[in-house]
N, C-alpha and C. Protein backbone atom coordinates (compact mmCIF):
# COMPACT_ATOMS: atom_id res chain seq x y z
N MET A 1 -45.72 -48.83 26.30
CA MET A 1 -45.30 -47.44 26.26
C MET A 1 -45.29 -46.97 24.80
N PRO A 2 -45.92 -45.82 24.51
CA PRO A 2 -45.91 -45.32 23.14
C PRO A 2 -44.48 -45.20 22.60
N GLU A 3 -44.32 -45.51 21.32
CA GLU A 3 -42.99 -45.55 20.73
C GLU A 3 -42.28 -44.21 20.84
N GLN A 4 -43.03 -43.11 20.64
CA GLN A 4 -42.40 -41.79 20.70
C GLN A 4 -41.86 -41.50 22.09
N LEU A 5 -42.56 -41.95 23.12
CA LEU A 5 -42.09 -41.75 24.48
C LEU A 5 -40.88 -42.63 24.76
N TRP A 6 -40.91 -43.85 24.26
CA TRP A 6 -39.77 -44.76 24.45
C TRP A 6 -38.51 -44.23 23.77
N ILE A 7 -38.64 -43.65 22.59
CA ILE A 7 -37.47 -43.11 21.89
C ILE A 7 -36.79 -42.05 22.74
N GLN A 8 -37.58 -41.19 23.37
CA GLN A 8 -36.99 -40.17 24.24
C GLN A 8 -36.35 -40.80 25.47
N MET A 9 -37.04 -41.78 26.04
CA MET A 9 -36.50 -42.43 27.23
C MET A 9 -35.20 -43.16 26.92
N GLU A 10 -35.17 -43.86 25.80
CA GLU A 10 -33.98 -44.63 25.43
C GLU A 10 -32.77 -43.72 25.27
N SER A 11 -33.00 -42.49 24.78
CA SER A 11 -31.88 -41.56 24.58
C SER A 11 -31.25 -41.12 25.90
N LEU A 12 -31.98 -41.31 27.01
CA LEU A 12 -31.48 -40.89 28.31
C LEU A 12 -30.82 -42.03 29.10
N LEU A 13 -31.01 -43.25 28.65
CA LEU A 13 -30.48 -44.39 29.40
C LEU A 13 -28.97 -44.49 29.23
N PRO A 14 -28.26 -44.90 30.29
CA PRO A 14 -26.81 -45.04 30.18
C PRO A 14 -26.45 -46.20 29.26
N ALA A 15 -25.28 -46.09 28.62
CA ALA A 15 -24.81 -47.15 27.74
C ALA A 15 -24.62 -48.43 28.54
N ARG A 16 -24.97 -49.55 27.92
CA ARG A 16 -24.84 -50.85 28.58
C ARG A 16 -23.93 -51.76 27.75
N PRO A 17 -22.61 -51.68 27.97
CA PRO A 17 -21.72 -52.55 27.20
C PRO A 17 -21.93 -54.01 27.59
N ARG A 18 -21.70 -54.90 26.63
CA ARG A 18 -21.80 -56.31 26.91
C ARG A 18 -20.72 -56.71 27.91
N THR A 19 -21.05 -57.62 28.81
CA THR A 19 -20.10 -58.03 29.84
C THR A 19 -19.81 -59.51 29.71
N THR A 20 -18.56 -59.86 30.00
CA THR A 20 -18.16 -61.26 29.96
C THR A 20 -18.00 -61.81 31.38
N ARG A 21 -18.37 -60.99 32.37
CA ARG A 21 -18.23 -61.42 33.76
C ARG A 21 -19.16 -62.59 34.03
N LYS A 22 -18.62 -63.62 34.69
CA LYS A 22 -19.40 -64.80 35.00
C LYS A 22 -20.13 -64.61 36.32
N GLY A 23 -21.28 -65.24 36.41
CA GLY A 23 -22.05 -65.16 37.66
C GLY A 23 -22.96 -63.94 37.67
N GLY A 24 -23.98 -63.99 38.52
CA GLY A 24 -24.91 -62.88 38.63
C GLY A 24 -25.91 -62.87 37.49
N ARG A 25 -26.84 -61.95 37.57
CA ARG A 25 -27.89 -61.86 36.57
C ARG A 25 -27.39 -61.08 35.35
N PRO A 26 -27.50 -61.65 34.13
CA PRO A 26 -27.02 -60.95 32.94
C PRO A 26 -27.84 -59.70 32.65
N ARG A 27 -27.20 -58.68 32.12
CA ARG A 27 -27.89 -57.46 31.76
C ARG A 27 -28.69 -57.69 30.48
N LEU A 28 -29.88 -57.11 30.42
CA LEU A 28 -30.71 -57.22 29.23
C LEU A 28 -30.18 -56.29 28.15
N GLN A 29 -30.23 -56.74 26.92
CA GLN A 29 -29.78 -55.92 25.80
C GLN A 29 -30.93 -55.14 25.18
N LYS A 30 -32.15 -55.66 25.30
CA LYS A 30 -33.33 -54.96 24.81
C LYS A 30 -34.18 -54.53 25.99
N LEU A 31 -34.31 -53.23 26.17
CA LEU A 31 -34.97 -52.70 27.36
C LEU A 31 -36.38 -52.18 27.12
N LYS A 32 -36.84 -52.20 25.87
CA LYS A 32 -38.21 -51.74 25.60
C LYS A 32 -39.25 -52.54 26.39
N PRO A 33 -39.13 -53.89 26.50
CA PRO A 33 -40.09 -54.63 27.31
C PRO A 33 -40.12 -54.19 28.77
N VAL A 34 -38.98 -53.76 29.29
CA VAL A 34 -38.93 -53.27 30.67
C VAL A 34 -39.74 -51.98 30.79
N ALA A 35 -39.53 -51.07 29.84
CA ALA A 35 -40.29 -49.83 29.83
C ALA A 35 -41.78 -50.09 29.66
N ASP A 36 -42.12 -51.06 28.81
CA ASP A 36 -43.52 -51.43 28.61
C ASP A 36 -44.13 -51.95 29.91
N ALA A 37 -43.36 -52.74 30.65
CA ALA A 37 -43.85 -53.30 31.91
C ALA A 37 -44.10 -52.21 32.95
N ILE A 38 -43.22 -51.23 33.01
CA ILE A 38 -43.38 -50.12 33.95
C ILE A 38 -44.62 -49.31 33.57
N PHE A 39 -44.80 -49.08 32.28
CA PHE A 39 -45.98 -48.36 31.80
C PHE A 39 -47.25 -49.15 32.12
N TYR A 40 -47.18 -50.47 31.96
CA TYR A 40 -48.31 -51.34 32.28
C TYR A 40 -48.68 -51.23 33.75
N LYS A 41 -47.68 -51.22 34.60
CA LYS A 41 -47.94 -51.09 36.05
C LYS A 41 -48.61 -49.77 36.37
N MET A 42 -48.14 -48.68 35.73
CA MET A 42 -48.74 -47.38 35.98
C MET A 42 -50.20 -47.37 35.52
N ARG A 43 -50.47 -48.00 34.39
CA ARG A 43 -51.82 -48.03 33.83
C ARG A 43 -52.78 -48.85 34.69
N THR A 44 -52.32 -50.02 35.14
CA THR A 44 -53.21 -50.97 35.80
C THR A 44 -53.19 -50.90 37.32
N GLY A 45 -52.07 -50.42 37.90
CA GLY A 45 -51.95 -50.38 39.35
C GLY A 45 -51.62 -51.73 39.96
N CYS A 46 -51.20 -52.70 39.15
CA CYS A 46 -50.88 -54.02 39.68
C CYS A 46 -49.59 -53.99 40.51
N GLN A 47 -49.40 -54.98 41.33
CA GLN A 47 -48.15 -55.11 42.09
C GLN A 47 -47.04 -55.56 41.15
N TRP A 48 -45.80 -55.34 41.57
CA TRP A 48 -44.67 -55.70 40.72
C TRP A 48 -44.67 -57.18 40.37
N ASN A 49 -44.96 -58.02 41.36
CA ASN A 49 -44.91 -59.45 41.11
C ASN A 49 -46.10 -59.97 40.30
N ALA A 50 -47.03 -59.07 39.98
CA ALA A 50 -48.19 -59.46 39.18
C ALA A 50 -48.06 -59.01 37.72
N ILE A 51 -46.95 -58.40 37.37
CA ILE A 51 -46.72 -57.98 35.99
C ILE A 51 -46.62 -59.23 35.11
N PRO A 52 -47.36 -59.30 34.01
CA PRO A 52 -47.34 -60.49 33.15
C PRO A 52 -45.93 -60.90 32.72
N ARG A 53 -45.70 -62.17 32.69
CA ARG A 53 -44.38 -62.72 32.38
C ARG A 53 -43.92 -62.35 30.98
N VAL A 54 -44.87 -62.02 30.10
CA VAL A 54 -44.51 -61.67 28.73
C VAL A 54 -43.53 -60.49 28.70
N PHE A 55 -43.54 -59.66 29.71
CA PHE A 55 -42.62 -58.52 29.78
C PHE A 55 -41.25 -58.92 30.30
N GLY A 56 -41.17 -60.07 30.97
CA GLY A 56 -39.92 -60.48 31.59
C GLY A 56 -40.14 -60.77 33.07
N ALA A 57 -39.06 -61.15 33.75
CA ALA A 57 -39.14 -61.45 35.18
C ALA A 57 -39.44 -60.17 35.97
N SER A 58 -40.42 -60.25 36.86
CA SER A 58 -40.83 -59.05 37.61
C SER A 58 -39.69 -58.50 38.45
N SER A 59 -38.84 -59.38 38.98
CA SER A 59 -37.72 -58.91 39.80
C SER A 59 -36.72 -58.11 38.96
N THR A 60 -36.50 -58.56 37.73
CA THR A 60 -35.60 -57.84 36.83
C THR A 60 -36.18 -56.48 36.46
N ILE A 61 -37.47 -56.47 36.17
CA ILE A 61 -38.14 -55.21 35.82
C ILE A 61 -38.04 -54.22 36.97
N HIS A 62 -38.29 -54.69 38.19
CA HIS A 62 -38.22 -53.79 39.35
C HIS A 62 -36.80 -53.29 39.57
N ASP A 63 -35.82 -54.15 39.35
CA ASP A 63 -34.42 -53.73 39.51
C ASP A 63 -34.08 -52.59 38.56
N TYR A 64 -34.50 -52.74 37.30
CA TYR A 64 -34.25 -51.67 36.32
C TYR A 64 -35.00 -50.40 36.71
N PHE A 65 -36.26 -50.55 37.12
CA PHE A 65 -37.04 -49.38 37.53
C PHE A 65 -36.33 -48.63 38.65
N GLN A 66 -35.87 -49.36 39.66
CA GLN A 66 -35.21 -48.72 40.79
C GLN A 66 -33.92 -48.02 40.35
N GLU A 67 -33.19 -48.68 39.45
CA GLU A 67 -31.95 -48.07 38.94
C GLU A 67 -32.25 -46.78 38.18
N TRP A 68 -33.28 -46.79 37.36
CA TRP A 68 -33.62 -45.61 36.57
C TRP A 68 -34.17 -44.49 37.46
N VAL A 69 -34.86 -44.85 38.52
CA VAL A 69 -35.32 -43.84 39.48
C VAL A 69 -34.12 -43.14 40.10
N GLU A 70 -33.14 -43.93 40.53
CA GLU A 70 -31.95 -43.36 41.18
C GLU A 70 -31.15 -42.48 40.22
N LEU A 71 -31.21 -42.79 38.93
CA LEU A 71 -30.51 -41.99 37.93
C LEU A 71 -31.31 -40.76 37.50
N GLY A 72 -32.55 -40.66 37.97
CA GLY A 72 -33.38 -39.52 37.62
C GLY A 72 -33.92 -39.57 36.20
N ILE A 73 -33.98 -40.77 35.62
CA ILE A 73 -34.39 -40.91 34.22
C ILE A 73 -35.81 -40.40 33.99
N PHE A 74 -36.72 -40.73 34.88
CA PHE A 74 -38.13 -40.40 34.66
C PHE A 74 -38.40 -38.90 34.77
N GLU A 75 -37.73 -38.23 35.69
CA GLU A 75 -37.88 -36.77 35.76
C GLU A 75 -37.28 -36.11 34.53
N ARG A 76 -36.18 -36.66 34.04
CA ARG A 76 -35.54 -36.11 32.85
C ARG A 76 -36.41 -36.31 31.61
N ILE A 77 -37.15 -37.44 31.56
CA ILE A 77 -38.08 -37.65 30.45
C ILE A 77 -39.14 -36.56 30.46
N TRP A 78 -39.63 -36.26 31.64
CA TRP A 78 -40.65 -35.20 31.78
C TRP A 78 -40.10 -33.86 31.27
N LYS A 79 -38.89 -33.51 31.69
CA LYS A 79 -38.28 -32.25 31.27
C LYS A 79 -38.08 -32.23 29.75
N LEU A 80 -37.67 -33.36 29.19
CA LEU A 80 -37.46 -33.44 27.75
C LEU A 80 -38.78 -33.27 27.02
N ALA A 81 -39.83 -33.88 27.55
CA ALA A 81 -41.15 -33.74 26.94
C ALA A 81 -41.65 -32.30 27.01
N LEU A 82 -41.36 -31.62 28.12
CA LEU A 82 -41.75 -30.22 28.25
C LEU A 82 -41.04 -29.35 27.23
N THR A 83 -39.77 -29.67 26.98
CA THR A 83 -39.01 -28.92 25.98
C THR A 83 -39.62 -29.10 24.59
N GLU A 84 -39.99 -30.35 24.27
CA GLU A 84 -40.61 -30.60 22.97
C GLU A 84 -41.97 -29.92 22.87
N TYR A 85 -42.72 -29.95 23.96
CA TYR A 85 -44.03 -29.27 23.99
C TYR A 85 -43.85 -27.77 23.74
N GLU A 86 -42.85 -27.19 24.38
CA GLU A 86 -42.58 -25.75 24.21
C GLU A 86 -42.23 -25.45 22.75
N GLU A 87 -41.46 -26.32 22.13
CA GLU A 87 -41.03 -26.09 20.75
C GLU A 87 -42.18 -26.26 19.76
N LEU A 88 -43.06 -27.23 20.00
CA LEU A 88 -44.11 -27.55 19.05
C LEU A 88 -45.36 -26.67 19.20
N ARG A 89 -45.72 -26.36 20.43
CA ARG A 89 -46.96 -25.61 20.65
C ARG A 89 -46.75 -24.31 21.43
N GLY A 90 -45.73 -24.30 22.24
CA GLY A 90 -45.51 -23.14 23.11
C GLY A 90 -46.31 -23.29 24.39
N THR A 91 -45.65 -23.14 25.53
CA THR A 91 -46.33 -23.27 26.82
C THR A 91 -47.40 -22.19 26.96
N SER A 92 -48.57 -22.58 27.43
CA SER A 92 -49.68 -21.63 27.58
C SER A 92 -49.53 -20.91 28.92
N TRP A 93 -48.96 -19.72 28.86
CA TRP A 93 -48.64 -18.98 30.08
C TRP A 93 -49.78 -18.09 30.58
N LYS A 94 -50.84 -17.95 29.81
CA LYS A 94 -51.89 -17.00 30.19
C LYS A 94 -52.45 -17.31 31.57
N HIS A 95 -52.66 -18.59 31.82
CA HIS A 95 -53.11 -19.02 33.14
C HIS A 95 -52.30 -20.22 33.58
N GLN A 96 -52.02 -20.30 34.87
CA GLN A 96 -51.46 -21.50 35.45
C GLN A 96 -52.44 -21.98 36.51
N LEU A 97 -52.70 -23.26 36.52
CA LEU A 97 -53.69 -23.83 37.42
C LEU A 97 -53.00 -24.75 38.41
N LEU A 98 -53.43 -24.69 39.66
CA LEU A 98 -52.82 -25.50 40.70
C LEU A 98 -53.91 -26.20 41.52
N ASP A 99 -53.71 -27.46 41.79
CA ASP A 99 -54.69 -28.21 42.58
C ASP A 99 -53.95 -29.22 43.46
N THR A 100 -54.54 -29.51 44.58
CA THR A 100 -54.00 -30.50 45.52
C THR A 100 -55.03 -31.59 45.74
N ALA A 101 -54.61 -32.83 45.67
CA ALA A 101 -55.51 -33.96 45.87
C ALA A 101 -54.86 -34.96 46.83
N THR A 102 -55.69 -35.70 47.54
CA THR A 102 -55.19 -36.71 48.47
C THR A 102 -55.47 -38.10 47.90
N VAL A 103 -54.46 -38.94 47.95
CA VAL A 103 -54.60 -40.33 47.48
C VAL A 103 -54.30 -41.27 48.64
N LYS A 104 -54.95 -42.40 48.63
CA LYS A 104 -54.72 -43.39 49.68
C LYS A 104 -53.33 -44.02 49.52
N ALA A 105 -52.71 -44.34 50.65
CA ALA A 105 -51.40 -45.00 50.65
C ALA A 105 -51.44 -46.15 51.64
N PRO A 106 -52.09 -47.27 51.28
CA PRO A 106 -52.32 -48.37 52.23
C PRO A 106 -51.05 -48.94 52.85
N LEU A 107 -49.93 -48.90 52.12
CA LEU A 107 -48.69 -49.50 52.62
C LEU A 107 -47.83 -48.50 53.38
N GLY A 108 -48.27 -47.24 53.45
CA GLY A 108 -47.48 -46.24 54.16
C GLY A 108 -46.19 -45.93 53.41
N GLY A 109 -45.19 -45.49 54.16
CA GLY A 109 -43.90 -45.16 53.56
C GLY A 109 -43.58 -43.69 53.65
N GLU A 110 -42.62 -43.27 52.86
CA GLU A 110 -42.16 -41.88 52.88
C GLU A 110 -43.24 -40.92 52.39
N LYS A 111 -43.28 -39.76 53.00
CA LYS A 111 -44.21 -38.70 52.62
C LYS A 111 -45.66 -39.18 52.65
N THR A 112 -46.01 -39.93 53.68
CA THR A 112 -47.40 -40.30 53.92
C THR A 112 -47.77 -39.81 55.32
N GLY A 113 -49.05 -39.74 55.60
CA GLY A 113 -49.52 -39.32 56.92
C GLY A 113 -50.98 -39.65 57.06
N ARG A 114 -51.47 -39.55 58.26
CA ARG A 114 -52.87 -39.89 58.52
C ARG A 114 -53.78 -38.80 57.99
N ASN A 115 -54.74 -39.22 57.18
CA ASN A 115 -55.66 -38.29 56.53
C ASN A 115 -56.79 -37.92 57.51
N PRO A 116 -56.86 -36.67 57.94
CA PRO A 116 -57.89 -36.27 58.90
C PRO A 116 -59.31 -36.33 58.34
N THR A 117 -59.44 -36.41 57.02
CA THR A 117 -60.78 -36.46 56.40
C THR A 117 -61.18 -37.88 56.02
N ASP A 118 -60.32 -38.87 56.31
CA ASP A 118 -60.62 -40.26 55.94
C ASP A 118 -60.32 -41.19 57.12
N ARG A 119 -60.86 -40.84 58.28
CA ARG A 119 -60.75 -41.67 59.48
C ARG A 119 -59.30 -42.00 59.85
N GLY A 120 -58.42 -41.07 59.55
CA GLY A 120 -57.03 -41.24 59.93
C GLY A 120 -56.25 -42.27 59.14
N LYS A 121 -56.80 -42.71 57.99
CA LYS A 121 -56.09 -43.68 57.17
C LYS A 121 -54.89 -43.01 56.50
N LEU A 122 -53.85 -43.81 56.25
CA LEU A 122 -52.64 -43.27 55.65
C LEU A 122 -52.89 -42.81 54.21
N GLY A 123 -52.29 -41.68 53.88
CA GLY A 123 -52.45 -41.15 52.54
C GLY A 123 -51.35 -40.16 52.20
N SER A 124 -51.33 -39.74 50.97
CA SER A 124 -50.38 -38.73 50.49
C SER A 124 -51.14 -37.64 49.76
N LYS A 125 -50.59 -36.45 49.82
CA LYS A 125 -51.12 -35.35 49.01
C LYS A 125 -50.18 -35.13 47.84
N ARG A 126 -50.77 -34.88 46.69
CA ARG A 126 -49.96 -34.48 45.55
C ARG A 126 -50.48 -33.14 45.07
N SER A 127 -49.58 -32.22 44.88
CA SER A 127 -49.91 -30.88 44.42
C SER A 127 -49.30 -30.70 43.04
N ILE A 128 -50.12 -30.35 42.06
CA ILE A 128 -49.65 -30.26 40.68
C ILE A 128 -50.00 -28.89 40.10
N LEU A 129 -49.02 -28.29 39.44
CA LEU A 129 -49.20 -27.02 38.74
C LEU A 129 -49.17 -27.31 37.25
N VAL A 130 -50.17 -26.83 36.51
CA VAL A 130 -50.23 -27.04 35.06
C VAL A 130 -50.36 -25.71 34.34
N ASP A 131 -50.06 -25.74 33.04
CA ASP A 131 -50.25 -24.53 32.26
C ASP A 131 -51.70 -24.47 31.78
N GLY A 132 -52.01 -23.51 30.91
CA GLY A 132 -53.38 -23.30 30.49
C GLY A 132 -54.00 -24.44 29.71
N ARG A 133 -53.17 -25.35 29.17
CA ARG A 133 -53.70 -26.51 28.44
C ARG A 133 -53.71 -27.77 29.29
N GLY A 134 -53.24 -27.66 30.53
CA GLY A 134 -53.24 -28.83 31.41
C GLY A 134 -51.96 -29.63 31.41
N VAL A 135 -50.87 -29.07 30.90
CA VAL A 135 -49.58 -29.77 30.91
C VAL A 135 -48.89 -29.53 32.25
N PRO A 136 -48.54 -30.60 32.98
CA PRO A 136 -47.91 -30.44 34.31
C PRO A 136 -46.55 -29.76 34.22
N LEU A 137 -46.37 -28.73 35.03
CA LEU A 137 -45.12 -27.97 35.09
C LEU A 137 -44.36 -28.21 36.39
N SER A 138 -45.07 -28.63 37.43
CA SER A 138 -44.44 -28.82 38.73
C SER A 138 -45.29 -29.76 39.57
N CYS A 139 -44.62 -30.47 40.49
CA CYS A 139 -45.33 -31.42 41.34
C CYS A 139 -44.62 -31.54 42.69
N GLU A 140 -45.39 -31.71 43.73
CA GLU A 140 -44.84 -31.91 45.07
C GLU A 140 -45.69 -32.96 45.78
N ILE A 141 -45.04 -33.85 46.52
CA ILE A 141 -45.70 -34.90 47.28
C ILE A 141 -45.48 -34.66 48.77
N ALA A 142 -46.52 -34.89 49.57
CA ALA A 142 -46.41 -34.72 51.02
C ALA A 142 -47.40 -35.66 51.71
N GLY A 143 -47.26 -35.77 53.01
CA GLY A 143 -48.19 -36.59 53.77
C GLY A 143 -49.58 -35.98 53.78
N ALA A 144 -50.60 -36.82 53.95
CA ALA A 144 -51.99 -36.35 53.93
C ALA A 144 -52.29 -35.41 55.08
N ASN A 145 -51.44 -35.40 56.11
CA ASN A 145 -51.66 -34.54 57.27
C ASN A 145 -50.99 -33.17 57.13
N ILE A 146 -50.33 -32.92 56.01
CA ILE A 146 -49.66 -31.63 55.79
C ILE A 146 -50.66 -30.62 55.25
N HIS A 147 -50.62 -29.41 55.79
CA HIS A 147 -51.54 -28.36 55.36
C HIS A 147 -51.28 -27.98 53.91
N ASP A 148 -52.37 -27.70 53.18
CA ASP A 148 -52.26 -27.37 51.76
C ASP A 148 -51.33 -26.20 51.50
N ALA A 149 -51.32 -25.22 52.38
CA ALA A 149 -50.50 -24.03 52.16
C ALA A 149 -49.03 -24.38 52.05
N GLN A 150 -48.59 -25.35 52.84
CA GLN A 150 -47.18 -25.74 52.81
C GLN A 150 -46.79 -26.42 51.50
N ILE A 151 -47.63 -27.33 51.06
CA ILE A 151 -47.30 -28.07 49.83
C ILE A 151 -47.45 -27.19 48.60
N VAL A 152 -48.36 -26.23 48.63
CA VAL A 152 -48.54 -25.32 47.50
C VAL A 152 -47.29 -24.47 47.29
N GLN A 153 -46.75 -23.95 48.36
CA GLN A 153 -45.54 -23.13 48.26
C GLN A 153 -44.38 -23.92 47.68
N LYS A 154 -44.23 -25.17 48.09
CA LYS A 154 -43.14 -26.00 47.57
C LYS A 154 -43.37 -26.32 46.10
N THR A 155 -44.63 -26.48 45.72
CA THR A 155 -44.95 -26.75 44.32
C THR A 155 -44.53 -25.59 43.43
N LEU A 156 -44.82 -24.38 43.87
CA LEU A 156 -44.49 -23.19 43.08
C LEU A 156 -42.98 -23.01 42.95
N LYS A 157 -42.25 -23.37 43.99
CA LYS A 157 -40.80 -23.23 43.96
C LYS A 157 -40.14 -24.23 43.01
N LYS A 158 -40.81 -25.36 42.76
CA LYS A 158 -40.22 -26.42 41.95
C LYS A 158 -40.63 -26.37 40.49
N ARG A 159 -41.43 -25.40 40.07
CA ARG A 159 -41.91 -25.40 38.69
C ARG A 159 -40.74 -25.31 37.72
N LYS A 160 -40.89 -26.00 36.59
CA LYS A 160 -39.79 -26.14 35.64
C LYS A 160 -39.49 -24.84 34.89
N TYR A 161 -40.52 -24.04 34.64
CA TYR A 161 -40.35 -22.77 33.95
C TYR A 161 -40.98 -21.68 34.80
N ARG A 162 -40.44 -20.50 34.72
CA ARG A 162 -40.98 -19.38 35.50
C ARG A 162 -41.24 -18.20 34.57
N ARG A 163 -42.42 -17.63 34.70
CA ARG A 163 -42.76 -16.40 33.98
C ARG A 163 -43.41 -15.44 34.95
N PRO A 164 -43.06 -14.15 34.92
CA PRO A 164 -43.63 -13.19 35.87
C PRO A 164 -45.07 -12.83 35.56
N ARG A 165 -45.80 -12.45 36.60
CA ARG A 165 -47.13 -11.90 36.48
C ARG A 165 -48.13 -12.86 35.83
N ASN A 166 -47.94 -14.14 36.00
CA ASN A 166 -48.93 -15.09 35.50
C ASN A 166 -50.09 -15.19 36.46
N ARG A 167 -51.28 -15.36 35.94
CA ARG A 167 -52.42 -15.61 36.80
C ARG A 167 -52.36 -17.04 37.31
N LEU A 168 -52.68 -17.22 38.56
CA LEU A 168 -52.65 -18.55 39.16
C LEU A 168 -54.00 -18.84 39.78
N ARG A 169 -54.61 -19.92 39.35
CA ARG A 169 -55.87 -20.35 39.91
C ARG A 169 -55.65 -21.63 40.70
N LYS A 170 -56.40 -21.76 41.78
CA LYS A 170 -56.27 -22.93 42.63
C LYS A 170 -57.53 -23.78 42.57
N ARG A 171 -57.31 -25.09 42.82
CA ARG A 171 -58.39 -26.06 42.93
C ARG A 171 -59.31 -26.05 41.70
N MET A 172 -58.71 -26.41 40.57
CA MET A 172 -59.47 -26.50 39.33
C MET A 172 -59.72 -27.95 38.94
N HIS A 173 -59.55 -28.88 39.88
CA HIS A 173 -59.80 -30.30 39.65
C HIS A 173 -58.95 -30.84 38.50
N ILE A 174 -57.69 -30.51 38.49
CA ILE A 174 -56.80 -30.94 37.43
C ILE A 174 -56.29 -32.36 37.65
N HIS A 175 -56.69 -32.98 38.74
CA HIS A 175 -56.22 -34.35 39.02
C HIS A 175 -57.12 -35.41 38.40
N SER A 176 -58.21 -35.02 37.77
CA SER A 176 -59.14 -36.01 37.24
C SER A 176 -58.49 -36.92 36.21
N TRP A 177 -57.47 -36.42 35.49
CA TRP A 177 -56.78 -37.23 34.49
C TRP A 177 -56.12 -38.45 35.11
N ALA A 178 -55.77 -38.36 36.40
CA ALA A 178 -55.05 -39.45 37.06
C ALA A 178 -55.91 -40.69 37.22
N ASN A 179 -57.22 -40.54 37.14
CA ASN A 179 -58.10 -41.69 37.32
C ASN A 179 -57.91 -42.75 36.23
N GLN A 180 -57.36 -42.35 35.09
CA GLN A 180 -57.13 -43.33 34.03
C GLN A 180 -55.88 -44.16 34.31
N PHE A 181 -55.06 -43.72 35.25
CA PHE A 181 -53.87 -44.46 35.64
C PHE A 181 -54.09 -45.04 37.04
N ARG A 182 -54.42 -46.30 37.12
CA ARG A 182 -54.75 -46.89 38.41
C ARG A 182 -53.54 -46.95 39.33
N GLY A 183 -52.35 -46.92 38.74
CA GLY A 183 -51.15 -46.91 39.54
C GLY A 183 -50.89 -45.59 40.23
N LEU A 184 -51.65 -44.55 39.86
CA LEU A 184 -51.52 -43.23 40.48
C LEU A 184 -52.69 -42.93 41.40
N LYS A 185 -53.83 -43.53 41.11
CA LYS A 185 -55.03 -43.27 41.89
C LYS A 185 -54.87 -43.69 43.35
N VAL A 186 -54.18 -44.81 43.56
CA VAL A 186 -53.81 -45.28 44.90
C VAL A 186 -52.30 -45.42 44.92
N ARG A 187 -51.67 -44.90 45.95
CA ARG A 187 -50.21 -44.99 46.03
C ARG A 187 -49.82 -46.29 46.74
N TRP A 188 -49.24 -47.22 45.96
CA TRP A 188 -48.78 -48.48 46.52
C TRP A 188 -47.28 -48.47 46.79
N GLU A 189 -46.59 -47.43 46.33
CA GLU A 189 -45.14 -47.37 46.47
C GLU A 189 -44.76 -46.81 47.84
N LYS A 190 -43.93 -47.52 48.58
CA LYS A 190 -43.49 -47.03 49.88
C LYS A 190 -42.49 -45.88 49.74
N LYS A 191 -41.65 -45.96 48.72
CA LYS A 191 -40.67 -44.89 48.49
C LYS A 191 -41.34 -43.77 47.72
N ALA A 192 -41.22 -42.56 48.25
CA ALA A 192 -41.83 -41.41 47.58
C ALA A 192 -41.27 -41.22 46.17
N CYS A 193 -39.96 -41.46 46.00
CA CYS A 193 -39.34 -41.26 44.69
C CYS A 193 -39.90 -42.22 43.65
N ASN A 194 -40.33 -43.41 44.08
CA ASN A 194 -40.90 -44.37 43.14
C ASN A 194 -42.28 -43.91 42.66
N TYR A 195 -43.08 -43.40 43.59
CA TYR A 195 -44.39 -42.89 43.20
C TYR A 195 -44.24 -41.66 42.31
N GLU A 196 -43.29 -40.80 42.64
CA GLU A 196 -43.05 -39.61 41.82
C GLU A 196 -42.59 -40.01 40.42
N ALA A 197 -41.82 -41.08 40.31
CA ALA A 197 -41.35 -41.53 39.00
C ALA A 197 -42.53 -41.92 38.10
N LEU A 198 -43.52 -42.61 38.68
CA LEU A 198 -44.71 -42.97 37.91
C LEU A 198 -45.48 -41.72 37.49
N LEU A 199 -45.54 -40.74 38.38
CA LEU A 199 -46.18 -39.47 38.04
C LEU A 199 -45.44 -38.80 36.88
N HIS A 200 -44.12 -38.84 36.91
CA HIS A 200 -43.33 -38.19 35.87
C HIS A 200 -43.57 -38.82 34.51
N ILE A 201 -43.77 -40.15 34.48
CA ILE A 201 -44.09 -40.81 33.21
C ILE A 201 -45.41 -40.26 32.66
N SER A 202 -46.40 -40.15 33.53
CA SER A 202 -47.70 -39.65 33.08
C SER A 202 -47.62 -38.19 32.66
N PHE A 203 -46.77 -37.40 33.33
CA PHE A 203 -46.59 -36.00 32.95
C PHE A 203 -45.99 -35.89 31.55
N ALA A 204 -44.97 -36.71 31.29
CA ALA A 204 -44.33 -36.70 29.98
C ALA A 204 -45.32 -37.11 28.90
N LEU A 205 -46.12 -38.13 29.20
CA LEU A 205 -47.13 -38.59 28.26
C LEU A 205 -48.13 -37.48 27.95
N THR A 206 -48.56 -36.75 28.98
CA THR A 206 -49.51 -35.66 28.80
C THR A 206 -48.92 -34.54 27.95
N ALA A 207 -47.67 -34.18 28.24
CA ALA A 207 -47.02 -33.10 27.49
C ALA A 207 -46.90 -33.45 26.00
N LEU A 208 -46.50 -34.68 25.71
CA LEU A 208 -46.33 -35.09 24.32
C LEU A 208 -47.68 -35.22 23.61
N ARG A 209 -48.68 -35.69 24.35
CA ARG A 209 -50.01 -35.83 23.75
C ARG A 209 -50.57 -34.45 23.36
N ILE A 210 -50.48 -33.49 24.29
CA ILE A 210 -51.02 -32.16 24.01
C ILE A 210 -50.16 -31.43 22.96
N ALA A 211 -48.89 -31.81 22.87
CA ALA A 211 -48.02 -31.23 21.84
C ALA A 211 -48.35 -31.77 20.45
N GLY A 212 -49.16 -32.85 20.40
CA GLY A 212 -49.55 -33.42 19.11
C GLY A 212 -48.57 -34.45 18.58
N VAL A 213 -47.65 -34.92 19.43
CA VAL A 213 -46.64 -35.87 18.99
C VAL A 213 -47.26 -37.21 18.58
N PHE A 214 -48.35 -37.58 19.25
CA PHE A 214 -48.97 -38.88 18.98
C PHE A 214 -49.97 -38.83 17.82
N GLY A 215 -50.07 -37.68 17.17
CA GLY A 215 -50.97 -37.58 16.03
C GLY A 215 -52.39 -37.23 16.38
């Protein structure tokens, strides 16, 4: 995980006081390797138990990931990145672009459905709204069998910022960036919130990159 992204993420994590309680798994004091492992999974699309040991025990990494999902850490990172993007470059409001794409979901789970265009195989739709530079402002996940009109309306309602009279274009192929993240190209997460968390990491990364934070 890029250092600048980790600094923002670390600022959102709850304090972890040292514990003297005996028994159970000890809490890690250095969490950067955990964040690196989660980023690695998003990049490669590997299963949790296939994460290289250099990052730590896969079960520990998954436990932290699940805890941070429940705390809303990853969505908050995205919001924080959007704030920094707004301050450094200013959100490009001239046009907003919206696109919906279907991804395979071999393991099924929440917000999946049979894809009528792929022989009824399980899949999910993701609908993403971006500003004129391609920074994600809103996202909605639904089953592959849900009509586009329904997911589009929910996407618009969830956008982080609202400006009146913006032009909105649909189906501009804004999902092509996801191909670089194999963990997003195919949805392996059964829980919708887990897949959304990985999306939120990529959204934050995109916002900071376009803001020029990475140089």
